[in-house]
Amino acid sequence: MRILAIVNARAGLGDAGLYEFLRVVGTTGAEITLRFMVPGSTTKELVRDADEFDRVIAAGGDGTVSSVCYAL
């Protein structure tokens, strides 16, 4: 399984278990690609090839999740 994770590292008060979750999922043989929202990047750029992945994870706040959903 190929997973694309779009992460807004500035959202929230920490990773909220995200990296532990990804570590566990990775041990099942999943291929995980992490992309981080940084100043100057657009969500559309980050999900440009999302159709090549089996799953997309959006990690951040409500704004992160809604912008990823909209771009998809």
C-alpha atoms as a PDB file:
ATOM      1  CA  MET A   1       0.000   0.000   0.000  1.00  0.00           C
ATOM      2  CA  ARG A   2       1.252   3.475  -0.865  1.00  0.00           C
ATOM      3  CA  ILE A   3       0.300   6.292   1.503  1.00  0.00           C
ATOM      4  CA  LEU A   4       0.757  10.033   0.962  1.00  0.00           C
ATOM      5  CA  ALA A   5       0.809  12.029   4.207  1.00  0.00           C
ATOM      6  CA  ILE A   6       0.426  15.808   3.993  1.00  0.00           C
ATOM      7  CA  VAL A   7       1.605  17.281   7.290  1.00  0.00           C
ATOM      8  CA  ASN A   8       1.255  20.773   8.722  1.00  0.00           C
ATOM      9  CA  ALA A   9       3.897  20.553  11.434  1.00  0.00           C
ATOM     10  CA  ARG A  10       2.979  24.015  12.736  1.00  0.00           C
ATOM     11  CA  ALA A  11      -0.580  22.987  13.609  1.00  0.00           C
ATOM     12  CA  GLY A  12      -1.593  21.825  17.045  1.00  0.00           C
ATOM     13  CA  LEU A  13       0.566  21.337  20.088  1.00  0.00           C
ATOM     14  CA  GLY A  14       2.715  18.469  18.873  1.00  0.00           C
ATOM     15  CA  ASP A  15       2.548  15.423  16.680  1.00  0.00           C
ATOM     16  CA  ALA A  16      -0.490  13.926  18.489  1.00  0.00           C
ATOM     17  CA  GLY A  17       0.842  10.442  17.832  1.00  0.00           C
ATOM     18  CA  LEU A  18       1.175  10.912  14.060  1.00  0.00           C
ATOM     19  CA  TYR A  19       4.761   9.708  13.810  1.00  0.00           C
ATOM     20  CA  GLU A  20       4.087   6.683  16.005  1.00  0.00           C
ATOM     21  CA  PHE A  21       1.086   5.847  13.799  1.00  0.00           C
ATOM     22  CA  LEU A  22       3.201   6.145  10.652  1.00  0.00           C
ATOM     23  CA  ARG A  23       5.931   3.994  12.222  1.00  0.00           C
ATOM     24  CA  VAL A  24       3.442   1.244  13.022  1.00  0.00           C
ATOM     25  CA  VAL A  25       1.815   1.410   9.580  1.00  0.00           C
ATOM     26  CA  GLY A  26       5.265   1.343   8.000  1.00  0.00           C
ATOM     27  CA  THR A  27       6.088  -1.920   9.740  1.00  0.00           C
ATOM     28  CA  THR A  28       3.239  -3.559   7.804  1.00  0.00           C
ATOM     29  CA  GLY A  29       5.095  -2.959   4.549  1.00  0.00           C
ATOM     30  CA  ALA A  30       3.320   0.224   3.569  1.00  0.00           C
ATOM     31  CA  GLU A  31       5.313   2.802   1.631  1.00  0.00           C
ATOM     32  CA  ILE A  32       4.773   6.226   3.210  1.00  0.00           C
ATOM     33  CA  THR A  33       5.614   9.521   1.539  1.00  0.00           C
ATOM     34  CA  LEU A  34       5.654  12.559   3.845  1.00  0.00           C
ATOM     35  CA  ARG A  35       5.168  16.049   2.451  1.00  0.00           C
ATOM     36  CA  PHE A  36       5.196  19.063   4.708  1.00  0.00           C
ATOM     37  CA  MET A  37       3.266  22.274   4.325  1.00  0.00           C
ATOM     38  CA  VAL A  38       5.858  25.033   4.347  1.00  0.00           C
ATOM     39  CA  PRO A  39       5.628  28.731   3.512  1.00  0.00           C
ATOM     40  CA  GLY A  40       5.459  29.107  -0.255  1.00  0.00           C
ATOM     41  CA  SER A  41       4.071  25.625  -0.953  1.00  0.00           C
ATOM     42  CA  THR A  42       0.512  25.124  -2.093  1.00  0.00           C
ATOM     43  CA  THR A  43      -1.736  22.254  -1.162  1.00  0.00           C
ATOM     44  CA  LYS A  44      -2.415  21.656  -4.839  1.00  0.00           C
ATOM     45  CA  GLU A  45       1.322  21.095  -5.399  1.00  0.00           C
ATOM     46  CA  LEU A  46       1.521  18.730  -2.427  1.00  0.00           C
ATOM     47  CA  VAL A  47      -1.256  16.475  -3.748  1.00  0.00           C
ATOM     48  CA  ARG A  48      -0.330  16.785  -7.442  1.00  0.00           C
ATOM     49  CA  ASP A  49       0.166  13.021  -7.846  1.00  0.00           C
ATOM     50  CA  ALA A  50      -2.280  11.785  -5.203  1.00  0.00           C
ATOM     51  CA  ASP A  51      -3.919   9.439  -7.699  1.00  0.00           C
ATOM     52  CA  GLU A  52      -0.717   7.360  -7.623  1.00  0.00           C
ATOM     53  CA  PHE A  53      -1.291   6.563  -3.919  1.00  0.00           C
ATOM     54  CA  ASP A  54      -3.760   4.195  -2.300  1.00  0.00           C
ATOM     55  CA  ARG A  55      -4.466   6.521   0.638  1.00  0.00           C
ATOM     56  CA  VAL A  56      -3.967  10.189   1.531  1.00  0.00           C
ATOM     57  CA  ILE A  57      -3.590  11.348   5.122  1.00  0.00           C
ATOM     58  CA  ALA A  58      -3.974  15.013   6.083  1.00  0.00           C
ATOM     59  CA  ALA A  59      -2.431  15.859   9.445  1.00  0.00           C
ATOM     60  CA  GLY A  60      -2.856  19.277  11.009  1.00  0.00           C
ATOM     61  CA  GLY A  61      -5.786  21.376  12.003  1.00  0.00           C
ATOM     62  CA  ASP A  62      -9.187  21.904  10.397  1.00  0.00           C
ATOM     63  CA  GLY A  63      -7.639  24.238   7.815  1.00  0.00           C
ATOM     64  CA  THR A  64      -5.103  21.631   6.775  1.00  0.00           C
ATOM     65  CA  VAL A  65      -7.680  18.879   6.417  1.00  0.00           C
ATOM     66  CA  SER A  66     -10.171  21.045   4.507  1.00  0.00           C
ATOM     67  CA  SER A  67      -7.514  22.407   2.136  1.00  0.00           C
ATOM     68  CA  VAL A  68      -6.260  18.896   1.341  1.00  0.00           C
ATOM     69  CA  CYS A  69      -9.826  17.654   0.784  1.00  0.00           C
ATOM     70  CA  TYR A  70     -10.572  20.594  -1.483  1.00  0.00           C
ATOM     71  CA  ALA A  71      -7.354  20.113  -3.493  1.00  0.00           C
ATOM     72  CA  LEU A  72      -8.096  16.411  -3.940  1.00  0.00           C
END
